[in-house]
Structures are given as structure tokens and as C-alpha cells.
PDB file of N, CA and C in Angstrom:
ATOM      1  N   UNK A   1      13.944   0.748  15.375  1.00  0.00           N
ATOM      2  CA  UNK A   1      13.835   2.149  15.711  1.00  0.00           C
ATOM      3  C   UNK A   1      13.631   2.272  17.221  1.00  0.00           C
ATOM      4  N   UNK A   2      14.348   3.161  17.845  1.00  0.00           N
ATOM      5  CA  UNK A   2      14.254   3.369  19.290  1.00  0.00           C
ATOM      6  C   UNK A   2      13.772   4.793  19.531  1.00  0.00           C
ATOM      7  N   UNK A   3      12.749   4.909  20.386  1.00  0.00           N
ATOM      8  CA  UNK A   3      12.188   6.216  20.705  1.00  0.00           C
ATOM      9  C   UNK A   3      12.639   6.658  22.092  1.00  0.00           C
ATOM     10  N   UNK A   4      12.742   7.961  22.249  1.00  0.00           N
ATOM     11  CA  UNK A   4      13.147   8.500  23.551  1.00  0.00           C
ATOM     12  C   UNK A   4      11.984   8.375  24.538  1.00  0.00           C
ATOM     13  N   UNK A   5      12.318   8.414  25.819  1.00  0.00           N
ATOM     14  CA  UNK A   5      11.297   8.366  26.863  1.00  0.00           C
ATOM     15  C   UNK A   5      10.358   9.561  26.756  1.00  0.00           C
ATOM     16  N   UNK A   6      10.907  10.709  26.404  1.00  0.00           N
ATOM     17  CA  UNK A   6      10.086  11.920  26.269  1.00  0.00           C
ATOM     18  C   UNK A   6       9.053  11.748  25.162  1.00  0.00           C
ATOM     19  N   UNK A   7       9.477  11.156  24.039  1.00  0.00           N
ATOM     20  CA  UNK A   7       8.552  10.928  22.938  1.00  0.00           C
ATOM     21  C   UNK A   7       7.443   9.968  23.361  1.00  0.00           C
ATOM     22  N   UNK A   8       7.795   8.881  23.994  1.00  0.00           N
ATOM     23  CA  UNK A   8       6.811   7.890  24.435  1.00  0.00           C
ATOM     24  C   UNK A   8       5.848   8.509  25.438  1.00  0.00           C
ATOM     25  N   UNK A   9       6.357   9.315  26.364  1.00  0.00           N
ATOM     26  CA  UNK A   9       5.491   9.991  27.339  1.00  0.00           C
ATOM     27  C   UNK A   9       4.519  10.935  26.638  1.00  0.00           C
ATOM     28  N   UNK A  10       4.997  11.654  25.641  1.00  0.00           N
ATOM     29  CA  UNK A  10       4.128  12.579  24.897  1.00  0.00           C
ATOM     30  C   UNK A  10       3.025  11.816  24.168  1.00  0.00           C
ATOM     31  N   UNK A  11       3.363  10.691  23.573  1.00  0.00           N
ATOM     32  CA  UNK A  11       2.363   9.884  22.871  1.00  0.00           C
ATOM     33  C   UNK A  11       1.326   9.348  23.859  1.00  0.00           C
ATOM     34  N   UNK A  12       1.768   8.893  25.004  1.00  0.00           N
ATOM     35  CA  UNK A  12       0.847   8.375  26.030  1.00  0.00           C
ATOM     36  C   UNK A  12      -0.091   9.484  26.501  1.00  0.00           C
ATOM     37  N   UNK A  13       0.439  10.660  26.786  1.00  0.00           N
ATOM     38  CA  UNK A  13      -0.403  11.784  27.234  1.00  0.00           C
ATOM     39  C   UNK A  13      -1.435  12.143  26.176  1.00  0.00           C
ATOM     40  N   UNK A  14      -1.003  12.197  24.930  1.00  0.00           N
ATOM     41  CA  UNK A  14      -1.908  12.520  23.834  1.00  0.00           C
ATOM     42  C   UNK A  14      -3.015  11.462  23.703  1.00  0.00           C
ATOM     43  N   UNK A  15      -2.651  10.202  23.795  1.00  0.00           N
ATOM     44  CA  UNK A  15      -3.604   9.114  23.673  1.00  0.00           C
ATOM     45  C   UNK A  15      -4.624   9.142  24.807  1.00  0.00           C
ATOM     46  N   UNK A  16      -4.167   9.352  26.019  1.00  0.00           N
ATOM     47  CA  UNK A  16      -5.067   9.413  27.176  1.00  0.00           C
ATOM     48  C   UNK A  16      -6.030  10.583  27.026  1.00  0.00           C
ATOM     49  N   UNK A  17      -5.523  11.734  26.605  1.00  0.00           N
ATOM     50  CA  UNK A  17      -6.372  12.911  26.421  1.00  0.00           C
ATOM     51  C   UNK A  17      -7.432  12.634  25.354  1.00  0.00           C
ATOM     52  N   UNK A  18      -7.059  11.991  24.253  1.00  0.00           N
ATOM     53  CA  UNK A  18      -8.027  11.677  23.196  1.00  0.00           C
ATOM     54  C   UNK A  18      -9.068  10.679  23.673  1.00  0.00           C
ATOM     55  N   UNK A  19      -8.665   9.717  24.475  1.00  0.00           N
ATOM     56  CA  UNK A  19      -9.619   8.737  25.015  1.00  0.00           C
ATOM     57  C   UNK A  19     -10.622   9.429  25.928  1.00  0.00           C
ATOM     58  N   UNK A  20     -10.126  10.347  26.742  1.00  0.00           N
ATOM     59  CA  UNK A  20     -11.022  11.095  27.624  1.00  0.00           C
ATOM     60  C   UNK A  20     -12.022  11.905  26.810  1.00  0.00           C
ATOM     61  N   UNK A  21     -11.541  12.573  25.743  1.00  0.00           N
ATOM     62  CA  UNK A  21     -12.433  13.345  24.877  1.00  0.00           C
ATOM     63  C   UNK A  21     -13.470  12.444  24.228  1.00  0.00           C
ATOM     64  N   UNK A  22     -13.057  11.279  23.781  1.00  0.00           N
ATOM     65  CA  UNK A  22     -13.981  10.360  23.134  1.00  0.00           C
ATOM     66  C   UNK A  22     -15.071   9.924  24.106  1.00  0.00           C
ATOM     67  N   UNK A  23     -14.700   9.571  25.325  1.00  0.00           N
ATOM     68  CA  UNK A  23     -15.699   9.161  26.307  1.00  0.00           C
ATOM     69  C   UNK A  23     -16.643  10.312  26.637  1.00  0.00           C
ATOM     70  N   UNK A  24     -16.108  11.513  26.720  1.00  0.00           N
ATOM     71  CA  UNK A  24     -16.948  12.692  26.971  1.00  0.00           C
ATOM     72  C   UNK A  24     -17.930  12.887  25.835  1.00  0.00           C
ATOM     73  N   UNK A  25     -17.455  12.748  24.601  1.00  0.00           N
ATOM     74  CA  UNK A  25     -18.345  12.880  23.438  1.00  0.00           C
ATOM     75  C   UNK A  25     -19.439  11.812  23.465  1.00  0.00           C
ATOM     76  N   UNK A  26     -19.085  10.597  23.818  1.00  0.00           N
ATOM     77  CA  UNK A  26     -20.075   9.517  23.894  1.00  0.00           C
ATOM     78  C   UNK A  26     -21.125   9.844  24.948  1.00  0.00           C
ATOM     79  N   UNK A  27     -20.679  10.309  26.100  1.00  0.00           N
ATOM     80  CA  UNK A  27     -21.616  10.679  27.170  1.00  0.00           C
ATOM     81  C   UNK A  27     -22.553  11.793  26.714  1.00  0.00           C
ATOM     82  N   UNK A  28     -21.988  12.819  26.074  1.00  0.00           N
ATOM     83  CA  UNK A  28     -22.817  13.926  25.582  1.00  0.00           C
ATOM     84  C   UNK A  28     -23.776  13.450  24.498  1.00  0.00           C
ATOM     85  N   UNK A  29     -23.318  12.567  23.615  1.00  0.00           N
ATOM     86  CA  UNK A  29     -24.187  12.050  22.567  1.00  0.00           C
ATOM     87  C   UNK A  29     -25.372  11.310  23.182  1.00  0.00           C
ATOM     88  N   UNK A  30     -25.132  10.512  24.196  1.00  0.00           N
ATOM     89  CA  UNK A  30     -26.225   9.795  24.853  1.00  0.00           C
ATOM     90  C   UNK A  30     -27.232  10.776  25.451  1.00  0.00           C
ATOM     91  N   UNK A  31     -26.730  11.842  26.067  1.00  0.00           N
ATOM     92  CA  UNK A  31     -27.622  12.861  26.623  1.00  0.00           C
ATOM     93  C   UNK A  31     -28.427  13.544  25.517  1.00  0.00           C
ATOM     94  N   UNK A  32     -27.762  13.876  24.422  1.00  0.00           N
ATOM     95  CA  UNK A  32     -28.440  14.553  23.312  1.00  0.00           C
ATOM     96  C   UNK A  32     -29.493  13.656  22.678  1.00  0.00           C
ATOM     97  N   UNK A  33     -29.183  12.385  22.518  1.00  0.00           N
ATOM     98  CA  UNK A  33     -30.160  11.442  21.952  1.00  0.00           C
ATOM     99  C   UNK A  33     -31.375  11.349  22.864  1.00  0.00           C
ATOM    100  N   UNK A  34     -31.154  11.351  24.170  1.00  0.00           N
ATOM    101  CA  UNK A  34     -32.278  11.227  25.107  1.00  0.00           C
ATOM    102  C   UNK A  34     -33.238  12.414  25.015  1.00  0.00           C
ATOM    103  N   UNK A  35     -32.761  13.540  24.488  1.00  0.00           N
ATOM    104  CA  UNK A  35     -33.609  14.733  24.349  1.00  0.00           C
ATOM    105  C   UNK A  35     -34.427  14.735  23.057  1.00  0.00           C
ATOM    106  N   UNK A  36     -34.140  13.798  22.162  1.00  0.00           N
ATOM    107  CA  UNK A  36     -34.901  13.719  20.908  1.00  0.00           C
ATOM    108  C   UNK A  36     -36.317  13.245  21.174  1.00  0.00           C
ATOM    109  N   UNK A  37     -37.183  13.500  20.216  1.00  0.00           N
ATOM    110  CA  UNK A  37     -38.554  13.002  20.328  1.00  0.00           C
ATOM    111  C   UNK A  37     -38.542  11.477  20.255  1.00  0.00           C
ATOM    112  N   UNK A  38     -39.559  10.834  20.824  1.00  0.00           N
ATOM    113  CA  UNK A  38     -39.628   9.371  20.735  1.00  0.00           C
ATOM    114  C   UNK A  38     -39.594   8.862  19.288  1.00  0.00           C
ATOM    115  N   UNK A  39     -40.231   9.570  18.372  1.00  0.00           N
ATOM    116  CA  UNK A  39     -40.229   9.153  16.962  1.00  0.00           C
ATOM    117  C   UNK A  39     -38.819   9.188  16.379  1.00  0.00           C
ATOM    118  N   UNK A  40     -38.072  10.218  16.710  1.00  0.00           N
ATOM    119  CA  UNK A  40     -36.705  10.328  16.185  1.00  0.00           C
ATOM    120  C   UNK A  40     -35.783   9.291  16.826  1.00  0.00           C
ATOM    121  N   UNK A  41     -35.968   9.021  18.115  1.00  0.00           N
ATOM    122  CA  UNK A  41     -35.170   7.967  18.756  1.00  0.00           C
ATOM    123  C   UNK A  41     -35.480   6.607  18.129  1.00  0.00           C
ATOM    124  N   UNK A  42     -36.746   6.362  17.828  1.00  0.00           N
ATOM    125  CA  UNK A  42     -37.119   5.097  17.200  1.00  0.00           C
ATOM    126  C   UNK A  42     -36.504   4.981  15.807  1.00  0.00           C
ATOM    127  N   UNK A  43     -36.492   6.057  15.070  1.00  0.00           N
ATOM    128  CA  UNK A  43     -35.884   6.053  13.740  1.00  0.00           C
ATOM    129  C   UNK A  43     -34.393   5.719  13.847  1.00  0.00           C
ATOM    130  N   UNK A  44     -33.697   6.336  14.797  1.00  0.00           N
ATOM    131  CA  UNK A  44     -32.281   6.020  15.007  1.00  0.00           C
ATOM    132  C   UNK A  44     -32.094   4.570  15.426  1.00  0.00           C
ATOM    133  N   UNK A  45     -32.957   4.087  16.302  1.00  0.00           N
ATOM    134  CA  UNK A  45     -32.852   2.703  16.764  1.00  0.00           C
ATOM    135  C   UNK A  45     -32.990   1.720  15.604  1.00  0.00           C
ATOM    136  N   UNK A  46     -33.990   1.954  14.770  1.00  0.00           N
ATOM    137  CA  UNK A  46     -34.198   1.058  13.631  1.00  0.00           C
ATOM    138  C   UNK A  46     -33.005   1.095  12.674  1.00  0.00           C
ATOM    139  N   UNK A  47     -32.517   2.298  12.406  1.00  0.00           N
ATOM    140  CA  UNK A  47     -31.436   2.440  11.424  1.00  0.00           C
ATOM    141  C   UNK A  47     -30.102   1.939  11.958  1.00  0.00           C
ATOM    142  N   UNK A  48     -29.748   2.313  13.191  1.00  0.00           N
ATOM    143  CA  UNK A  48     -28.403   2.030  13.680  1.00  0.00           C
ATOM    144  C   UNK A  48     -28.329   0.854  14.647  1.00  0.00           C
ATOM    145  N   UNK A  49     -29.240   0.752  15.597  1.00  0.00           N
ATOM    146  CA  UNK A  49     -29.197  -0.393  16.517  1.00  0.00           C
ATOM    147  C   UNK A  49     -29.503  -1.692  15.786  1.00  0.00           C
ATOM    148  N   UNK A  50     -30.523  -1.640  14.949  1.00  0.00           N
ATOM    149  CA  UNK A  50     -30.887  -2.839  14.194  1.00  0.00           C
ATOM    150  C   UNK A  50     -30.138  -2.949  12.871  1.00  0.00           C
ATOM    151  N   UNK A  51     -29.373  -1.922  12.536  1.00  0.00           N
ATOM    152  CA  UNK A  51     -28.549  -1.888  11.325  1.00  0.00           C
ATOM    153  C   UNK A  51     -29.364  -2.173  10.066  1.00  0.00           C
ATOM    154  N   UNK A  52     -30.537  -1.582  10.025  1.00  0.00           N
ATOM    155  CA  UNK A  52     -31.399  -1.766   8.862  1.00  0.00           C
ATOM    156  C   UNK A  52     -31.099  -0.708   7.815  1.00  0.00           C
ATOM    157  N   UNK A  53     -31.373  -1.035   6.583  1.00  0.00           N
ATOM    158  CA  UNK A  53     -31.191  -0.066   5.497  1.00  0.00           C
ATOM    159  C   UNK A  53     -32.262   1.014   5.616  1.00  0.00           C
ATOM    160  N   UNK A  54     -31.988   2.155   5.004  1.00  0.00           N
ATOM    161  CA  UNK A  54     -32.959   3.241   5.021  1.00  0.00           C
ATOM    162  C   UNK A  54     -34.241   2.793   4.326  1.00  0.00           C
ATOM    163  N   UNK A  55     -34.102   2.015   3.253  1.00  0.00           N
ATOM    164  CA  UNK A  55     -35.278   1.500   2.554  1.00  0.00           C
ATOM    165  C   UNK A  55     -36.126   0.614   3.443  1.00  0.00           C
ATOM    166  N   UNK A  56     -35.478  -0.235   4.217  1.00  0.00           N
ATOM    167  CA  UNK A  56     -36.197  -1.118   5.136  1.00  0.00           C
ATOM    168  C   UNK A  56     -36.901  -0.320   6.229  1.00  0.00           C
ATOM    169  N   UNK A  57     -36.221   0.684   6.757  1.00  0.00           N
ATOM    170  CA  UNK A  57     -36.821   1.537   7.792  1.00  0.00           C
ATOM    171  C   UNK A  57     -38.025   2.268   7.207  1.00  0.00           C
ATOM    172  N   UNK A  58     -37.868   2.830   6.025  1.00  0.00           N
ATOM    173  CA  UNK A  58     -38.963   3.563   5.383  1.00  0.00           C
ATOM    174  C   UNK A  58     -40.170   2.653   5.170  1.00  0.00           C
ATOM    175  N   UNK A  59     -39.910   1.450   4.717  1.00  0.00           N
ATOM    176  CA  UNK A  59     -41.001   0.512   4.469  1.00  0.00           C
ATOM    177  C   UNK A  59     -41.724   0.159   5.767  1.00  0.00           C
ATOM    178  N   UNK A  60     -40.973  -0.128   6.829  1.00  0.00           N
ATOM    179  CA  UNK A  60     -41.604  -0.517   8.087  1.00  0.00           C
ATOM    180  C   UNK A  60     -42.386   0.636   8.721  1.00  0.00           C
ATOM    181  N   UNK A  61     -41.964   1.862   8.454  1.00  0.00           N
ATOM    182  CA  UNK A  61     -42.671   3.024   8.998  1.00  0.00           C
ATOM    183  C   UNK A  61     -43.706   3.583   8.029  1.00  0.00           C
ATOM    184  N   UNK A  62     -43.788   2.962   6.859  1.00  0.00           N
ATOM    185  CA  UNK A  62     -44.709   3.409   5.804  1.00  0.00           C
ATOM    186  C   UNK A  62     -44.482   4.893   5.479  1.00  0.00           C
ATOM    187  N   UNK A  63     -43.193   5.213   5.273  1.00  0.00           N
ATOM    188  CA  UNK A  63     -42.796   6.569   4.933  1.00  0.00           C
ATOM    189  C   UNK A  63     -41.978   6.535   3.651  1.00  0.00           C
ATOM    190  N   UNK A  64     -41.982   7.638   2.899  1.00  0.00           N
ATOM    191  CA  UNK A  64     -41.155   7.696   1.693  1.00  0.00           C
ATOM    192  C   UNK A  64     -39.672   7.625   2.060  1.00  0.00           C
ATOM    193  N   UNK A  65     -38.905   6.921   1.255  1.00  0.00           N
ATOM    194  CA  UNK A  65     -37.480   6.749   1.529  1.00  0.00           C
ATOM    195  C   UNK A  65     -36.756   8.093   1.559  1.00  0.00           C
ATOM    196  N   UNK A  66     -37.115   9.010   0.659  1.00  0.00           N
ATOM    197  CA  UNK A  66     -36.472  10.329   0.655  1.00  0.00           C
ATOM    198  C   UNK A  66     -36.736  11.073   1.956  1.00  0.00           C
ATOM    199  N   UNK A  67     -37.939  10.929   2.485  1.00  0.00           N
ATOM    200  CA  UNK A  67     -38.283  11.578   3.744  1.00  0.00           C
ATOM    201  C   UNK A  67     -37.473  11.024   4.899  1.00  0.00           C
ATOM    202  N   UNK A  68     -37.237   9.711   4.894  1.00  0.00           N
ATOM    203  CA  UNK A  68     -36.440   9.096   5.955  1.00  0.00           C
ATOM    204  C   UNK A  68     -34.993   9.569   5.860  1.00  0.00           C
ATOM    205  N   UNK A  69     -34.452   9.633   4.644  1.00  0.00           N
ATOM    206  CA  UNK A  69     -33.088  10.154   4.465  1.00  0.00           C
ATOM    207  C   UNK A  69     -32.981  11.581   5.010  1.00  0.00           C
ATOM    208  N   UNK A  70     -33.940  12.424   4.669  1.00  0.00           N
ATOM    209  CA  UNK A  70     -33.904  13.821   5.108  1.00  0.00           C
ATOM    210  C   UNK A  70     -34.040  13.924   6.626  1.00  0.00           C
ATOM    211  N   UNK A  71     -34.941  13.134   7.193  1.00  0.00           N
ATOM    212  CA  UNK A  71     -35.118  13.172   8.646  1.00  0.00           C
ATOM    213  C   UNK A  71     -33.851  12.709   9.350  1.00  0.00           C
ATOM    214  N   UNK A  72     -33.252  11.631   8.879  1.00  0.00           N
ATOM    215  CA  UNK A  72     -32.002  11.153   9.473  1.00  0.00           C
ATOM    216  C   UNK A  72     -30.907  12.209   9.368  1.00  0.00           C
ATOM    217  N   UNK A  73     -30.836  12.885   8.250  1.00  0.00           N
ATOM    218  CA  UNK A  73     -29.835  13.934   8.065  1.00  0.00           C
ATOM    219  C   UNK A  73     -30.049  15.063   9.064  1.00  0.00           C
ATOM    220  N   UNK A  74     -31.287  15.472   9.253  1.00  0.00           N
ATOM    221  CA  UNK A  74     -31.585  16.532  10.218  1.00  0.00           C
ATOM    222  C   UNK A  74     -31.262  16.086  11.641  1.00  0.00           C
ATOM    223  N   UNK A  75     -31.582  14.842  11.966  1.00  0.00           N
ATOM    224  CA  UNK A  75     -31.284  14.320  13.307  1.00  0.00           C
ATOM    225  C   UNK A  75     -29.778  14.302  13.539  1.00  0.00           C
ATOM    226  N   UNK A  76     -29.021  13.797  12.566  1.00  0.00           N
ATOM    227  CA  UNK A  76     -27.556  13.756  12.717  1.00  0.00           C
ATOM    228  C   UNK A  76     -26.980  15.157  12.881  1.00  0.00           C
ATOM    229  N   UNK A  77     -27.493  16.115  12.114  1.00  0.00           N
ATOM    230  CA  UNK A  77     -27.021  17.505  12.234  1.00  0.00           C
ATOM    231  C   UNK A  77     -27.339  18.069  13.612  1.00  0.00           C
ATOM    232  N   UNK A  78     -28.531  17.797  14.107  1.00  0.00           N
ATOM    233  CA  UNK A  78     -28.922  18.285  15.433  1.00  0.00           C
ATOM    234  C   UNK A  78     -28.061  17.651  16.517  1.00  0.00           C
ATOM    235  N   UNK A  79     -27.779  16.361  16.387  1.00  0.00           N
ATOM    236  CA  UNK A  79     -26.942  15.684  17.378  1.00  0.00           C
ATOM    237  C   UNK A  79     -25.514  16.217  17.340  1.00  0.00           C
ATOM    238  N   UNK A  80     -24.995  16.445  16.155  1.00  0.00           N
ATOM    239  CA  UNK A  80     -23.648  17.009  16.022  1.00  0.00           C
ATOM    240  C   UNK A  80     -23.584  18.378  16.703  1.00  0.00           C
ATOM    241  N   UNK A  81     -24.575  19.222  16.443  1.00  0.00           N
ATOM    242  CA  UNK A  81     -24.605  20.557  17.036  1.00  0.00           C
ATOM    243  C   UNK A  81     -24.722  20.466  18.554  1.00  0.00           C
ATOM    244  N   UNK A  82     -25.548  19.579  19.041  1.00  0.00           N
ATOM    245  CA  UNK A  82     -25.738  19.403  20.480  1.00  0.00           C
ATOM    246  C   UNK A  82     -24.436  18.970  21.152  1.00  0.00           C
ATOM    247  N   UNK A  83     -23.784  17.963  20.595  1.00  0.00           N
ATOM    248  CA  UNK A  83     -22.532  17.470  21.176  1.00  0.00           C
ATOM    249  C   UNK A  83     -21.450  18.554  21.111  1.00  0.00           C
ATOM    250  N   UNK A  84     -21.379  19.263  20.007  1.00  0.00           N
ATOM    251  CA  UNK A  84     -20.384  20.326  19.850  1.00  0.00           C
ATOM    252  C   UNK A  84     -20.590  21.414  20.898  1.00  0.00           C
ATOM    253  N   UNK A  85     -21.840  21.823  21.117  1.00  0.00           N
ATOM    254  CA  UNK A  85     -22.138  22.838  22.144  1.00  0.00           C
ATOM    255  C   UNK A  85     -21.728  22.342  23.525  1.00  0.00           C
ATOM    256  N   UNK A  86     -22.035  21.106  23.817  1.00  0.00           N
ATOM    257  CA  UNK A  86     -21.696  20.540  25.126  1.00  0.00           C
ATOM    258  C   UNK A  86     -20.172  20.461  25.300  1.00  0.00           C
ATOM    259  N   UNK A  87     -19.455  20.071  24.260  1.00  0.00           N
ATOM    260  CA  UNK A  87     -17.992  19.996  24.339  1.00  0.00           C
ATOM    261  C   UNK A  87     -17.407  21.380  24.581  1.00  0.00           C
ATOM    262  N   UNK A  88     -17.926  22.384  23.863  1.00  0.00           N
ATOM    263  CA  UNK A  88     -17.429  23.755  24.039  1.00  0.00           C
ATOM    264  C   UNK A  88     -17.706  24.236  25.451  1.00  0.00           C
ATOM    265  N   UNK A  89     -18.866  23.902  25.990  1.00  0.00           N
ATOM    266  CA  UNK A  89     -19.213  24.290  27.347  1.00  0.00           C
ATOM    267  C   UNK A  89     -18.342  23.591  28.379  1.00  0.00           C
ATOM    268  N   UNK A  90     -17.965  22.369  28.096  1.00  0.00           N
ATOM    269  CA  UNK A  90     -17.133  21.600  29.031  1.00  0.00           C
ATOM    270  C   UNK A  90     -15.708  22.126  29.052  1.00  0.00           C
ATOM    271  N   UNK A  91     -15.260  22.704  27.948  1.00  0.00           N
ATOM    272  CA  UNK A  91     -13.895  23.201  27.859  1.00  0.00           C
ATOM    273  C   UNK A  91     -13.764  24.631  28.367  1.00  0.00           C
ATOM    274  N   UNK A  92     -14.899  25.271  28.604  1.00  0.00           N
ATOM    275  CA  UNK A  92     -14.870  26.680  29.053  1.00  0.00           C
ATOM    276  C   UNK A  92     -14.511  26.790  30.519  1.00  0.00           C
TER     277      UNK A  92
END
């Protein structure tokens, strides 16, 4: 299969634009995480940086597993909202 130069250029432009958006989202996510409370940052660190199960995190923090699930869900929702607001502001 042979593609036209115009098609290849369009794919390259689209890919570059998506990469830029991804890096922007990563930067905004880092900023949003830095605004979380120390307890919430620690919870994220244990769960994602250390790749521990929610049960393991709950046990190490001496918290109910359901509470850890709910807290993580709220943190993820807050981070999503924060990044979305920042992206909308950047595009304005």
C-alpha cells in the first residue's frame, strides 16, 4: 500500500499535536498532584509508585479497604477535574 505525501503529512501533524497535548496533560497532572494534601499524595505514592494493592495500602495505613477505595476514587476525580480545567484554560 502506498500513501500520498499529503496523507503522511496529515498523520505526522496529528501525531505531533497529540504528543504535545499528552505532555501538557502530564505537566498539568504533576501540578495538580502537588496541590493535594500530603496524606493524599502519600496514598497515591503507595498505590501507584510502589504499585501496591489497595488491600496492602489499607493495611499499612491501618484504614478500612473500602475507605481507601473511596478516597482514591475522590482523588482521581479531583485530579481529572483539575487537569481538565487547566487544559480548557490553556486552549482559551
